[in-house]
Amino acid sequence: MGHAFHQLYYRIAWATHARDPHIHRSFRAALLDLVHEEAIRRGGQPLRHNAMPDHVHLLVRLPPTVLVSEFIGQVKGAVAFRTNRELKPKFKLVWQEGYGVLTLRKDELPRVGRYIDN
């Protein structure tokens, strides 16, 4: 894909199992580091990410060679596995099945980035 032009931006959100508030402040920053690392490991360019007690937001740029559903499934799985193994939260972190994903235009990135930050 050396000569293909692409600007593929995705806003992705996924929740904890049963929307339980298991993302605690004590490990939230470390969890976000894992989200960042795993997104890069799977070919993404993370632009913004944040977490609430019961869900995670990720704004990412993906190349056209990366399948969105595989990317999200792999990131979710790796983050849960590493969080439970490395961060050892009080409650086992398990994600709810599924996710939400929206495509974005480049000019929407600042507004969506502010939303994710806040």
PDB file of N, CA and C in Angstrom:
ATOM      1  N   MET A   1       0.815  -1.189   0.000  1.00  0.00           N
ATOM      2  CA  MET A   1       0.000   0.000   0.000  1.00  0.00           C
ATOM      3  C   MET A   1       0.863   1.260   0.000  1.00  0.00           C
ATOM      4  N   GLY A   2       2.015   1.209  -0.596  1.00  0.00           N
ATOM      5  CA  GLY A   2       2.905   2.350  -0.584  1.00  0.00           C
ATOM      6  C   GLY A   2       2.358   3.586  -1.268  1.00  0.00           C
ATOM      7  N   HIS A   3       1.471   3.427  -2.243  1.00  0.00           N
ATOM      8  CA  HIS A   3       0.975   4.571  -2.982  1.00  0.00           C
ATOM      9  C   HIS A   3      -0.497   4.851  -2.724  1.00  0.00           C
ATOM     10  N   ALA A   4      -1.035   4.299  -1.679  1.00  0.00           N
ATOM     11  CA  ALA A   4      -2.451   4.520  -1.357  1.00  0.00           C
ATOM     12  C   ALA A   4      -2.567   5.643  -0.329  1.00  0.00           C
ATOM     13  N   PHE A   5      -3.435   6.589  -0.605  1.00  0.00           N
ATOM     14  CA  PHE A   5      -3.708   7.655   0.355  1.00  0.00           C
ATOM     15  C   PHE A   5      -4.883   7.227   1.222  1.00  0.00           C
ATOM     16  N   HIS A   6      -4.744   7.408   2.523  1.00  0.00           N
ATOM     17  CA  HIS A   6      -5.855   7.071   3.410  1.00  0.00           C
ATOM     18  C   HIS A   6      -5.810   7.940   4.661  1.00  0.00           C
ATOM     19  N   GLN A   7      -6.979   8.267   5.152  1.00  0.00           N
ATOM     20  CA  GLN A   7      -7.169   8.948   6.424  1.00  0.00           C
ATOM     21  C   GLN A   7      -8.363   8.267   7.077  1.00  0.00           C
ATOM     22  N   LEU A   8      -8.098   7.210   7.798  1.00  0.00           N
ATOM     23  CA  LEU A   8      -9.160   6.409   8.403  1.00  0.00           C
ATOM     24  C   LEU A   8      -9.112   6.591   9.916  1.00  0.00           C
ATOM     25  N   TYR A   9     -10.072   7.346  10.425  1.00  0.00           N
ATOM     26  CA  TYR A   9     -10.140   7.658  11.849  1.00  0.00           C
ATOM     27  C   TYR A   9     -11.377   6.991  12.448  1.00  0.00           C
ATOM     28  N   TYR A  10     -11.186   6.414  13.631  1.00  0.00           N
ATOM     29  CA  TYR A  10     -12.275   5.694  14.292  1.00  0.00           C
ATOM     30  C   TYR A  10     -12.386   6.128  15.746  1.00  0.00           C
ATOM     31  N   ARG A  11     -13.597   6.335  16.172  1.00  0.00           N
ATOM     32  CA  ARG A  11     -13.894   6.565  17.592  1.00  0.00           C
ATOM     33  C   ARG A  11     -14.516   5.268  18.095  1.00  0.00           C
ATOM     34  N   ILE A  12     -13.851   4.644  19.056  1.00  0.00           N
ATOM     35  CA  ILE A  12     -14.255   3.330  19.558  1.00  0.00           C
ATOM     36  C   ILE A  12     -14.545   3.438  21.053  1.00  0.00           C
ATOM     37  N   ALA A  13     -15.582   2.771  21.490  1.00  0.00           N
ATOM     38  CA  ALA A  13     -15.904   2.717  22.920  1.00  0.00           C
ATOM     39  C   ALA A  13     -16.332   1.295  23.253  1.00  0.00           C
ATOM     40  N   TRP A  14     -15.929   0.841  24.429  1.00  0.00           N
ATOM     41  CA  TRP A  14     -16.380  -0.454  24.927  1.00  0.00           C
ATOM     42  C   TRP A  14     -16.531  -0.377  26.436  1.00  0.00           C
ATOM     43  N   ALA A  15     -17.349  -1.263  26.980  1.00  0.00           N
ATOM     44  CA  ALA A  15     -17.741  -1.164  28.388  1.00  0.00           C
ATOM     45  C   ALA A  15     -17.299  -2.387  29.183  1.00  0.00           C
ATOM     46  N   THR A  16     -17.255  -2.182  30.485  1.00  0.00           N
ATOM     47  CA  THR A  16     -17.010  -3.298  31.393  1.00  0.00           C
ATOM     48  C   THR A  16     -18.244  -4.197  31.413  1.00  0.00           C
ATOM     49  N   HIS A  17     -18.044  -5.443  31.811  1.00  0.00           N
ATOM     50  CA  HIS A  17     -19.151  -6.391  31.887  1.00  0.00           C
ATOM     51  C   HIS A  17     -20.246  -5.834  32.798  1.00  0.00           C
ATOM     52  N   ALA A  18     -21.467  -5.847  32.297  1.00  0.00           N
ATOM     53  CA  ALA A  18     -22.647  -5.348  33.015  1.00  0.00           C
ATOM     54  C   ALA A  18     -22.511  -3.870  33.407  1.00  0.00           C
ATOM     55  N   ARG A  19     -21.597  -3.184  32.747  1.00  0.00           N
ATOM     56  CA  ARG A  19     -21.310  -1.762  33.026  1.00  0.00           C
ATOM     57  C   ARG A  19     -20.943  -1.536  34.494  1.00  0.00           C
ATOM     58  N   ASP A  20     -20.348  -2.566  35.100  1.00  0.00           N
ATOM     59  CA  ASP A  20     -19.884  -2.424  36.483  1.00  0.00           C
ATOM     60  C   ASP A  20     -18.723  -1.427  36.535  1.00  0.00           C
ATOM     61  N   PRO A  21     -18.690  -0.568  37.546  1.00  0.00           N
ATOM     62  CA  PRO A  21     -17.641   0.458  37.640  1.00  0.00           C
ATOM     63  C   PRO A  21     -16.315  -0.103  38.178  1.00  0.00           C
ATOM     64  N   HIS A  22     -15.665  -0.962  37.388  1.00  0.00           N
ATOM     65  CA  HIS A  22     -14.457  -1.639  37.844  1.00  0.00           C
ATOM     66  C   HIS A  22     -13.157  -0.973  37.415  1.00  0.00           C
ATOM     67  N   ILE A  23     -13.251   0.118  36.666  1.00  0.00           N
ATOM     68  CA  ILE A  23     -12.026   0.850  36.303  1.00  0.00           C
ATOM     69  C   ILE A  23     -11.809   1.913  37.380  1.00  0.00           C
ATOM     70  N   HIS A  24     -10.960   1.577  38.313  1.00  0.00           N
ATOM     71  CA  HIS A  24     -10.735   2.423  39.484  1.00  0.00           C
ATOM     72  C   HIS A  24      -9.618   3.438  39.214  1.00  0.00           C
ATOM     73  N   ARG A  25      -9.717   4.577  39.863  1.00  0.00           N
ATOM     74  CA  ARG A  25      -8.699   5.635  39.724  1.00  0.00           C
ATOM     75  C   ARG A  25      -7.294   5.135  40.011  1.00  0.00           C
ATOM     76  N   SER A  26      -7.170   4.182  40.916  1.00  0.00           N
ATOM     77  CA  SER A  26      -5.849   3.713  41.334  1.00  0.00           C
ATOM     78  C   SER A  26      -5.060   3.068  40.198  1.00  0.00           C
ATOM     79  N   PHE A  27      -5.739   2.538  39.176  1.00  0.00           N
ATOM     80  CA  PHE A  27      -5.017   1.928  38.061  1.00  0.00           C
ATOM     81  C   PHE A  27      -5.452   2.461  36.692  1.00  0.00           C
ATOM     82  N   ARG A  28      -6.270   3.484  36.673  1.00  0.00           N
ATOM     83  CA  ARG A  28      -6.787   4.042  35.419  1.00  0.00           C
ATOM     84  C   ARG A  28      -5.673   4.496  34.483  1.00  0.00           C
ATOM     85  N   ALA A  29      -4.694   5.230  34.993  1.00  0.00           N
ATOM     86  CA  ALA A  29      -3.597   5.720  34.142  1.00  0.00           C
ATOM     87  C   ALA A  29      -2.794   4.560  33.562  1.00  0.00           C
ATOM     88  N   ALA A  30      -2.546   3.547  34.362  1.00  0.00           N
ATOM     89  CA  ALA A  30      -1.808   2.374  33.879  1.00  0.00           C
ATOM     90  C   ALA A  30      -2.627   1.619  32.826  1.00  0.00           C
ATOM     91  N   LEU A  31      -3.935   1.532  33.019  1.00  0.00           N
ATOM     92  CA  LEU A  31      -4.804   0.886  32.038  1.00  0.00           C
ATOM     93  C   LEU A  31      -4.762   1.640  30.712  1.00  0.00           C
ATOM     94  N   LEU A  32      -4.780   2.961  30.771  1.00  0.00           N
ATOM     95  CA  LEU A  32      -4.719   3.761  29.544  1.00  0.00           C
ATOM     96  C   LEU A  32      -3.373   3.585  28.833  1.00  0.00           C
ATOM     97  N   ASP A  33      -2.304   3.414  29.595  1.00  0.00           N
ATOM     98  CA  ASP A  33      -1.009   3.100  28.982  1.00  0.00           C
ATOM     99  C   ASP A  33      -1.088   1.773  28.225  1.00  0.00           C
ATOM    100  N   LEU A  34      -1.781   0.792  28.806  1.00  0.00           N
ATOM    101  CA  LEU A  34      -1.943  -0.499  28.138  1.00  0.00           C
ATOM    102  C   LEU A  34      -2.764  -0.359  26.860  1.00  0.00           C
ATOM    103  N   VAL A  35      -3.830   0.434  26.904  1.00  0.00           N
ATOM    104  CA  VAL A  35      -4.647   0.669  25.707  1.00  0.00           C
ATOM    105  C   VAL A  35      -3.760   1.258  24.606  1.00  0.00           C
ATOM    106  N   HIS A  36      -2.955   2.245  24.961  1.00  0.00           N
ATOM    107  CA  HIS A  36      -2.059   2.891  23.999  1.00  0.00           C
ATOM    108  C   HIS A  36      -1.074   1.880  23.400  1.00  0.00           C
ATOM    109  N   GLU A  37      -0.419   1.118  24.268  1.00  0.00           N
ATOM    110  CA  GLU A  37       0.567   0.127  23.808  1.00  0.00           C
ATOM    111  C   GLU A  37      -0.062  -0.922  22.904  1.00  0.00           C
ATOM    112  N   GLU A  38      -1.213  -1.442  23.306  1.00  0.00           N
ATOM    113  CA  GLU A  38      -1.843  -2.511  22.528  1.00  0.00           C
ATOM    114  C   GLU A  38      -2.394  -1.998  21.199  1.00  0.00           C
ATOM    115  N   ALA A  39      -2.849  -0.755  21.153  1.00  0.00           N
ATOM    116  CA  ALA A  39      -3.305  -0.179  19.888  1.00  0.00           C
ATOM    117  C   ALA A  39      -2.134  -0.067  18.911  1.00  0.00           C
ATOM    118  N   ILE A  40      -0.999   0.390  19.383  1.00  0.00           N
ATOM    119  CA  ILE A  40       0.194   0.491  18.536  1.00  0.00           C
ATOM    120  C   ILE A  40       0.644  -0.898  18.091  1.00  0.00           C
ATOM    121  N   ARG A  41       0.684  -1.830  19.013  1.00  0.00           N
ATOM    122  CA  ARG A  41       1.131  -3.196  18.714  1.00  0.00           C
ATOM    123  C   ARG A  41       0.307  -3.817  17.577  1.00  0.00           C
ATOM    124  N   ARG A  42      -0.940  -3.401  17.457  1.00  0.00           N
ATOM    125  CA  ARG A  42      -1.835  -3.974  16.455  1.00  0.00           C
ATOM    126  C   ARG A  42      -2.000  -3.091  15.214  1.00  0.00           C
ATOM    127  N   GLY A  43      -1.088  -2.144  15.038  1.00  0.00           N
ATOM    128  CA  GLY A  43      -1.052  -1.359  13.818  1.00  0.00           C
ATOM    129  C   GLY A  43      -1.780  -0.032  13.862  1.00  0.00           C
ATOM    130  N   GLY A  44      -2.306   0.348  15.023  1.00  0.00           N
ATOM    131  CA  GLY A  44      -3.026   1.604  15.139  1.00  0.00           C
ATOM    132  C   GLY A  44      -2.138   2.766  15.543  1.00  0.00           C
ATOM    133  N   GLN A  45      -2.633   3.943  15.297  1.00  0.00           N
ATOM    134  CA  GLN A  45      -1.988   5.167  15.755  1.00  0.00           C
ATOM    135  C   GLN A  45      -2.969   5.845  16.703  1.00  0.00           C
ATOM    136  N   PRO A  46      -2.843   5.579  18.016  1.00  0.00           N
ATOM    137  CA  PRO A  46      -3.785   6.178  18.962  1.00  0.00           C
ATOM    138  C   PRO A  46      -3.614   7.690  19.025  1.00  0.00           C
ATOM    139  N   LEU A  47      -4.734   8.399  18.944  1.00  0.00           N
ATOM    140  CA  LEU A  47      -4.721   9.855  18.994  1.00  0.00           C
ATOM    141  C   LEU A  47      -5.199  10.362  20.346  1.00  0.00           C
ATOM    142  N   ARG A  48      -6.190   9.719  20.919  1.00  0.00           N
ATOM    143  CA  ARG A  48      -6.710  10.054  22.240  1.00  0.00           C
ATOM    144  C   ARG A  48      -7.292   8.789  22.853  1.00  0.00           C
ATOM    145  N   HIS A  49      -7.271   8.724  24.163  1.00  0.00           N
ATOM    146  CA  HIS A  49      -7.946   7.644  24.875  1.00  0.00           C
ATOM    147  C   HIS A  49      -8.244   8.111  26.285  1.00  0.00           C
ATOM    148  N   ASN A  50      -9.295   7.558  26.836  1.00  0.00           N
ATOM    149  CA  ASN A  50      -9.685   7.912  28.188  1.00  0.00           C
ATOM    150  C   ASN A  50     -10.572   6.797  28.719  1.00  0.00           C
ATOM    151  N   ALA A  51     -10.761   6.799  30.015  1.00  0.00           N
ATOM    152  CA  ALA A  51     -11.602   5.768  30.626  1.00  0.00           C
ATOM    153  C   ALA A  51     -12.449   6.381  31.723  1.00  0.00           C
ATOM    154  N   MET A  52     -13.665   5.912  31.794  1.00  0.00           N
ATOM    155  CA  MET A  52     -14.580   6.211  32.882  1.00  0.00           C
ATOM    156  C   MET A  52     -14.639   4.946  33.732  1.00  0.00           C
ATOM    157  N   PRO A  53     -15.301   4.979  34.879  1.00  0.00           N
ATOM    158  CA  PRO A  53     -15.343   3.766  35.709  1.00  0.00           C
ATOM    159  C   PRO A  53     -15.922   2.541  35.007  1.00  0.00           C
ATOM    160  N   ASP A  54     -16.769   2.752  33.983  1.00  0.00           N
ATOM    161  CA  ASP A  54     -17.414   1.594  33.356  1.00  0.00           C
ATOM    162  C   ASP A  54     -17.196   1.486  31.845  1.00  0.00           C
ATOM    163  N   HIS A  55     -16.347   2.325  31.257  1.00  0.00           N
ATOM    164  CA  HIS A  55     -16.088   2.193  29.822  1.00  0.00           C
ATOM    165  C   HIS A  55     -14.809   2.909  29.406  1.00  0.00           C
ATOM    166  N   VAL A  56     -14.365   2.578  28.189  1.00  0.00           N
ATOM    167  CA  VAL A  56     -13.124   3.122  27.626  1.00  0.00           C
ATOM    168  C   VAL A  56     -13.443   3.769  26.281  1.00  0.00           C
ATOM    169  N   HIS A  57     -12.762   4.884  25.993  1.00  0.00           N
ATOM    170  CA  HIS A  57     -12.843   5.548  24.688  1.00  0.00           C
ATOM    171  C   HIS A  57     -11.463   5.489  24.039  1.00  0.00           C
ATOM    172  N   LEU A  58     -11.449   5.254  22.737  1.00  0.00           N
ATOM    173  CA  LEU A  58     -10.204   5.258  21.975  1.00  0.00           C
ATOM    174  C   LEU A  58     -10.458   5.938  20.634  1.00  0.00           C
ATOM    175  N   LEU A  59      -9.680   6.963  20.346  1.00  0.00           N
ATOM    176  CA  LEU A  59      -9.686   7.623  19.049  1.00  0.00           C
ATOM    177  C   LEU A  59      -8.395   7.201  18.356  1.00  0.00           C
ATOM    178  N   VAL A  60      -8.527   6.553  17.205  1.00  0.00           N
ATOM    179  CA  VAL A  60      -7.359   5.925  16.591  1.00  0.00           C
ATOM    180  C   VAL A  60      -7.407   6.077  15.078  1.00  0.00           C
ATOM    181  N   ARG A  61      -6.243   6.158  14.496  1.00  0.00           N
ATOM    182  CA  ARG A  61      -6.103   6.122  13.038  1.00  0.00           C
ATOM    183  C   ARG A  61      -5.586   4.737  12.683  1.00  0.00           C
ATOM    184  N   LEU A  62      -6.248   4.105  11.714  1.00  0.00           N
ATOM    185  CA  LEU A  62      -5.859   2.762  11.292  1.00  0.00           C
ATOM    186  C   LEU A  62      -5.537   2.752   9.807  1.00  0.00           C
ATOM    187  N   PRO A  63      -4.553   1.947   9.413  1.00  0.00           N
ATOM    188  CA  PRO A  63      -4.312   1.782   7.979  1.00  0.00           C
ATOM    189  C   PRO A  63      -5.389   0.873   7.385  1.00  0.00           C
ATOM    190  N   PRO A  64      -5.586   0.928   6.080  1.00  0.00           N
ATOM    191  CA  PRO A  64      -6.632   0.111   5.463  1.00  0.00           C
ATOM    192  C   PRO A  64      -6.362  -1.386   5.531  1.00  0.00           C
ATOM    193  N   THR A  65      -5.156  -1.772   5.886  1.00  0.00           N
ATOM    194  CA  THR A  65      -4.819  -3.193   5.989  1.00  0.00           C
ATOM    195  C   THR A  65      -5.269  -3.813   7.308  1.00  0.00           C
ATOM    196  N   VAL A  66      -5.701  -2.997   8.254  1.00  0.00           N
ATOM    197  CA  VAL A  66      -6.141  -3.487   9.566  1.00  0.00           C
ATOM    198  C   VAL A  66      -7.658  -3.602   9.571  1.00  0.00           C
ATOM    199  N   LEU A  67      -8.161  -4.792   9.903  1.00  0.00           N
ATOM    200  CA  LEU A  67      -9.603  -4.993  10.022  1.00  0.00           C
ATOM    201  C   LEU A  67     -10.071  -4.430  11.360  1.00  0.00           C
ATOM    202  N   VAL A  68     -11.027  -3.538  11.320  1.00  0.00           N
ATOM    203  CA  VAL A  68     -11.476  -2.834  12.522  1.00  0.00           C
ATOM    204  C   VAL A  68     -11.958  -3.818  13.592  1.00  0.00           C
ATOM    205  N   SER A  69     -12.785  -4.785  13.223  1.00  0.00           N
ATOM    206  CA  SER A  69     -13.325  -5.727  14.222  1.00  0.00           C
ATOM    207  C   SER A  69     -12.221  -6.545  14.876  1.00  0.00           C
ATOM    208  N   GLU A  70     -11.231  -6.973  14.106  1.00  0.00           N
ATOM    209  CA  GLU A  70     -10.107  -7.725  14.682  1.00  0.00           C
ATOM    210  C   GLU A  70      -9.274  -6.832  15.589  1.00  0.00           C
ATOM    211  N   PHE A  71      -9.029  -5.622  15.151  1.00  0.00           N
ATOM    212  CA  PHE A  71      -8.252  -4.672  15.940  1.00  0.00           C
ATOM    213  C   PHE A  71      -8.898  -4.466  17.313  1.00  0.00           C
ATOM    214  N   ILE A  72     -10.195  -4.176  17.310  1.00  0.00           N
ATOM    215  CA  ILE A  72     -10.892  -3.904  18.569  1.00  0.00           C
ATOM    216  C   ILE A  72     -10.891  -5.144  19.457  1.00  0.00           C
ATOM    217  N   GLY A  73     -11.203  -6.292  18.901  1.00  0.00           N
ATOM    218  CA  GLY A  73     -11.220  -7.524  19.694  1.00  0.00           C
ATOM    219  C   GLY A  73      -9.867  -7.824  20.311  1.00  0.00           C
ATOM    220  N   GLN A  74      -8.812  -7.642  19.539  1.00  0.00           N
ATOM    221  CA  GLN A  74      -7.471  -7.913  20.048  1.00  0.00           C
ATOM    222  C   GLN A  74      -7.052  -6.906  21.116  1.00  0.00           C
ATOM    223  N   VAL A  75      -7.364  -5.630  20.910  1.00  0.00           N
ATOM    224  CA  VAL A  75      -7.025  -4.616  21.913  1.00  0.00           C
ATOM    225  C   VAL A  75      -7.787  -4.880  23.205  1.00  0.00           C
ATOM    226  N   LYS A  76      -9.088  -5.112  23.097  1.00  0.00           N
ATOM    227  CA  LYS A  76      -9.892  -5.391  24.294  1.00  0.00           C
ATOM    228  C   LYS A  76      -9.344  -6.598  25.048  1.00  0.00           C
ATOM    229  N   GLY A  77      -9.079  -7.675  24.336  1.00  0.00           N
ATOM    230  CA  GLY A  77      -8.595  -8.889  24.980  1.00  0.00           C
ATOM    231  C   GLY A  77      -7.246  -8.699  25.648  1.00  0.00           C
ATOM    232  N   ALA A  78      -6.328  -8.063  24.940  1.00  0.00           N
ATOM    233  CA  ALA A  78      -4.988  -7.861  25.486  1.00  0.00           C
ATOM    234  C   ALA A  78      -5.002  -6.926  26.691  1.00  0.00           C
ATOM    235  N   VAL A  79      -5.821  -5.882  26.625  1.00  0.00           N
ATOM    236  CA  VAL A  79      -5.882  -4.930  27.741  1.00  0.00           C
ATOM    237  C   VAL A  79      -6.466  -5.608  28.985  1.00  0.00           C
ATOM    238  N   ALA A  80      -7.534  -6.379  28.825  1.00  0.00           N
ATOM    239  CA  ALA A  80      -8.112  -7.081  29.978  1.00  0.00           C
ATOM    240  C   ALA A  80      -7.109  -8.074  30.554  1.00  0.00           C
ATOM    241  N   PHE A  81      -6.477  -8.850  29.684  1.00  0.00           N
ATOM    242  CA  PHE A  81      -5.502  -9.851  30.144  1.00  0.00           C
ATOM    243  C   PHE A  81      -4.364  -9.190  30.904  1.00  0.00           C
ATOM    244  N   ARG A  82      -3.774  -8.153  30.300  1.00  0.00           N
ATOM    245  CA  ARG A  82      -2.631  -7.493  30.941  1.00  0.00           C
ATOM    246  C   ARG A  82      -3.034  -6.746  32.207  1.00  0.00           C
ATOM    247  N   THR A  83      -4.224  -6.145  32.213  1.00  0.00           N
ATOM    248  CA  THR A  83      -4.683  -5.449  33.416  1.00  0.00           C
ATOM    249  C   THR A  83      -4.798  -6.434  34.568  1.00  0.00           C
ATOM    250  N   ASN A  84      -5.446  -7.555  34.340  1.00  0.00           N
ATOM    251  CA  ASN A  84      -5.632  -8.547  35.405  1.00  0.00           C
ATOM    252  C   ASN A  84      -4.307  -9.162  35.843  1.00  0.00           C
ATOM    253  N   ARG A  85      -3.405  -9.365  34.912  1.00  0.00           N
ATOM    254  CA  ARG A  85      -2.124  -9.999  35.228  1.00  0.00           C
ATOM    255  C   ARG A  85      -1.117  -9.023  35.849  1.00  0.00           C
ATOM    256  N   GLU A  86      -1.031  -7.819  35.270  1.00  0.00           N
ATOM    257  CA  GLU A  86       0.013  -6.883  35.691  1.00  0.00           C
ATOM    258  C   GLU A  86      -0.455  -5.889  36.750  1.00  0.00           C
ATOM    259  N   LEU A  87      -1.687  -5.416  36.639  1.00  0.00           N
ATOM    260  CA  LEU A  87      -2.169  -4.376  37.550  1.00  0.00           C
ATOM    261  C   LEU A  87      -2.917  -4.947  38.746  1.00  0.00           C
ATOM    262  N   LYS A  88      -3.405  -6.173  38.589  1.00  0.00           N
ATOM    263  CA  LYS A  88      -4.100  -6.889  39.660  1.00  0.00           C
ATOM    264  C   LYS A  88      -5.170  -6.041  40.360  1.00  0.00           C
ATOM    265  N   PRO A  89      -6.205  -5.659  39.619  1.00  0.00           N
ATOM    266  CA  PRO A  89      -7.264  -4.851  40.238  1.00  0.00           C
ATOM    267  C   PRO A  89      -8.049  -5.661  41.271  1.00  0.00           C
ATOM    268  N   LYS A  90      -8.773  -4.951  42.132  1.00  0.00           N
ATOM    269  CA  LYS A  90      -9.566  -5.593  43.182  1.00  0.00           C
ATOM    270  C   LYS A  90     -10.593  -6.555  42.584  1.00  0.00           C
ATOM    271  N   PHE A  91     -11.234  -6.142  41.474  1.00  0.00           N
ATOM    272  CA  PHE A  91     -12.194  -6.984  40.764  1.00  0.00           C
ATOM    273  C   PHE A  91     -11.592  -7.343  39.416  1.00  0.00           C
ATOM    274  N   LYS A  92     -11.784  -8.575  38.995  1.00  0.00           N
ATOM    275  CA  LYS A  92     -11.285  -8.997  37.693  1.00  0.00           C
ATOM    276  C   LYS A  92     -11.940  -8.141  36.608  1.00  0.00           C
ATOM    277  N   LEU A  93     -11.112  -7.582  35.728  1.00  0.00           N
ATOM    278  CA  LEU A  93     -11.622  -6.758  34.652  1.00  0.00           C
ATOM    279  C   LEU A  93     -12.089  -7.650  33.505  1.00  0.00           C
ATOM    280  N   VAL A  94     -13.362  -7.555  33.188  1.00  0.00           N
ATOM    281  CA  VAL A  94     -13.972  -8.300  32.085  1.00  0.00           C
ATOM    282  C   VAL A  94     -14.777  -7.300  31.281  1.00  0.00           C
ATOM    283  N   TRP A  95     -14.622  -7.362  29.951  1.00  0.00           N
ATOM    284  CA  TRP A  95     -15.360  -6.455  29.085  1.00  0.00           C
ATOM    285  C   TRP A  95     -16.712  -7.038  28.699  1.00  0.00           C
ATOM    286  N   GLN A  96     -17.657  -6.166  28.498  1.00  0.00           N
ATOM    287  CA  GLN A  96     -18.953  -6.532  27.940  1.00  0.00           C
ATOM    288  C   GLN A  96     -18.734  -6.939  26.484  1.00  0.00           C
ATOM    289  N   GLU A  97     -19.520  -7.863  25.982  1.00  0.00           N
ATOM    290  CA  GLU A  97     -19.410  -8.258  24.588  1.00  0.00           C
ATOM    291  C   GLU A  97     -19.787  -7.076  23.693  1.00  0.00           C
ATOM    292  N   GLY A  98     -19.074  -6.921  22.606  1.00  0.00           N
ATOM    293  CA  GLY A  98     -19.377  -5.875  21.650  1.00  0.00           C
ATOM    294  C   GLY A  98     -18.625  -4.587  21.905  1.00  0.00           C
ATOM    295  N   TYR A  99     -18.970  -3.584  21.098  1.00  0.00           N
ATOM    296  CA  TYR A  99     -18.314  -2.282  21.149  1.00  0.00           C
ATOM    297  C   TYR A  99     -19.108  -1.321  20.277  1.00  0.00           C
ATOM    298  N   GLY A 100     -18.765  -0.063  20.367  1.00  0.00           N
ATOM    299  CA  GLY A 100     -19.320   0.938  19.460  1.00  0.00           C
ATOM    300  C   GLY A 100     -18.180   1.527  18.657  1.00  0.00           C
ATOM    301  N   VAL A 101     -18.396   1.756  17.382  1.00  0.00           N
ATOM    302  CA  VAL A 101     -17.354   2.350  16.540  1.00  0.00           C
ATOM    303  C   VAL A 101     -18.005   3.293  15.529  1.00  0.00           C
ATOM    304  N   LEU A 102     -17.396   4.457  15.383  1.00  0.00           N
ATOM    305  CA  LEU A 102     -17.842   5.457  14.412  1.00  0.00           C
ATOM    306  C   LEU A 102     -16.640   5.911  13.596  1.00  0.00           C
ATOM    307  N   THR A 103     -16.853   6.175  12.329  1.00  0.00           N
ATOM    308  CA  THR A 103     -15.801   6.748  11.504  1.00  0.00           C
ATOM    309  C   THR A 103     -15.889   8.270  11.600  1.00  0.00           C
ATOM    310  N   LEU A 104     -14.758   8.910  11.408  1.00  0.00           N
ATOM    311  CA  LEU A 104     -14.694  10.370  11.530  1.00  0.00           C
ATOM    312  C   LEU A 104     -13.960  10.988  10.354  1.00  0.00           C
ATOM    313  N   ARG A 105     -14.315  12.238  10.068  1.00  0.00           N
ATOM    314  CA  ARG A 105     -13.528  13.044   9.137  1.00  0.00           C
ATOM    315  C   ARG A 105     -12.407  13.712   9.936  1.00  0.00           C
ATOM    316  N   LYS A 106     -11.327  14.047   9.268  1.00  0.00           N
ATOM    317  CA  LYS A 106     -10.188  14.662   9.934  1.00  0.00           C
ATOM    318  C   LYS A 106     -10.580  15.946  10.663  1.00  0.00           C
ATOM    319  N   ASP A 107     -11.481  16.737  10.083  1.00  0.00           N
ATOM    320  CA  ASP A 107     -11.855  17.999  10.718  1.00  0.00           C
ATOM    321  C   ASP A 107     -12.699  17.804  11.977  1.00  0.00           C
ATOM    322  N   GLU A 108     -13.174  16.599  12.234  1.00  0.00           N
ATOM    323  CA  GLU A 108     -13.929  16.310  13.457  1.00  0.00           C
ATOM    324  C   GLU A 108     -13.022  15.911  14.627  1.00  0.00           C
ATOM    325  N   LEU A 109     -11.759  15.627  14.372  1.00  0.00           N
ATOM    326  CA  LEU A 109     -10.854  15.115  15.403  1.00  0.00           C
ATOM    327  C   LEU A 109     -10.718  16.041  16.616  1.00  0.00           C
ATOM    328  N   PRO A 110     -10.543  17.363  16.433  1.00  0.00           N
ATOM    329  CA  PRO A 110     -10.406  18.216  17.625  1.00  0.00           C
ATOM    330  C   PRO A 110     -11.633  18.166  18.544  1.00  0.00           C
ATOM    331  N   ARG A 111     -12.825  18.221  17.960  1.00  0.00           N
ATOM    332  CA  ARG A 111     -14.041  18.209  18.771  1.00  0.00           C
ATOM    333  C   ARG A 111     -14.210  16.864  19.491  1.00  0.00           C
ATOM    334  N   VAL A 112     -13.992  15.781  18.785  1.00  0.00           N
ATOM    335  CA  VAL A 112     -14.127  14.461  19.395  1.00  0.00           C
ATOM    336  C   VAL A 112     -13.015  14.247  20.423  1.00  0.00           C
ATOM    337  N   GLY A 113     -11.822  14.747  20.141  1.00  0.00           N
ATOM    338  CA  GLY A 113     -10.732  14.647  21.114  1.00  0.00           C
ATOM    339  C   GLY A 113     -11.061  15.361  22.416  1.00  0.00           C
ATOM    340  N   ARG A 114     -11.661  16.538  22.323  1.00  0.00           N
ATOM    341  CA  ARG A 114     -12.067  17.263  23.540  1.00  0.00           C
ATOM    342  C   ARG A 114     -13.123  16.475  24.318  1.00  0.00           C
ATOM    343  N   TYR A 115     -14.064  15.878  23.590  1.00  0.00           N
ATOM    344  CA  TYR A 115     -15.097  15.069  24.240  1.00  0.00           C
ATOM    345  C   TYR A 115     -14.452  13.895  25.000  1.00  0.00           C
ATOM    346  N   ILE A 116     -13.531  13.220  24.363  1.00  0.00           N
ATOM    347  CA  ILE A 116     -12.878  12.079  25.010  1.00  0.00           C
ATOM    348  C   ILE A 116     -12.069  12.534  26.216  1.00  0.00           C
ATOM    349  N   ASP A 117     -11.383  13.654  26.104  1.00  0.00           N
ATOM    350  CA  ASP A 117     -10.574  14.164  27.221  1.00  0.00           C
ATOM    351  C   ASP A 117     -11.432  14.497  28.439  1.00  0.00           C
ATOM    352  N   ASN A 118     -12.653  14.960  28.196  1.00  0.00           N
ATOM    353  CA  ASN A 118     -13.492  15.395  29.296  1.00  0.00           C
ATOM    354  C   ASN A 118     -14.526  14.358  29.667  1.00  0.00           C
TER     355      ASN A 118
END
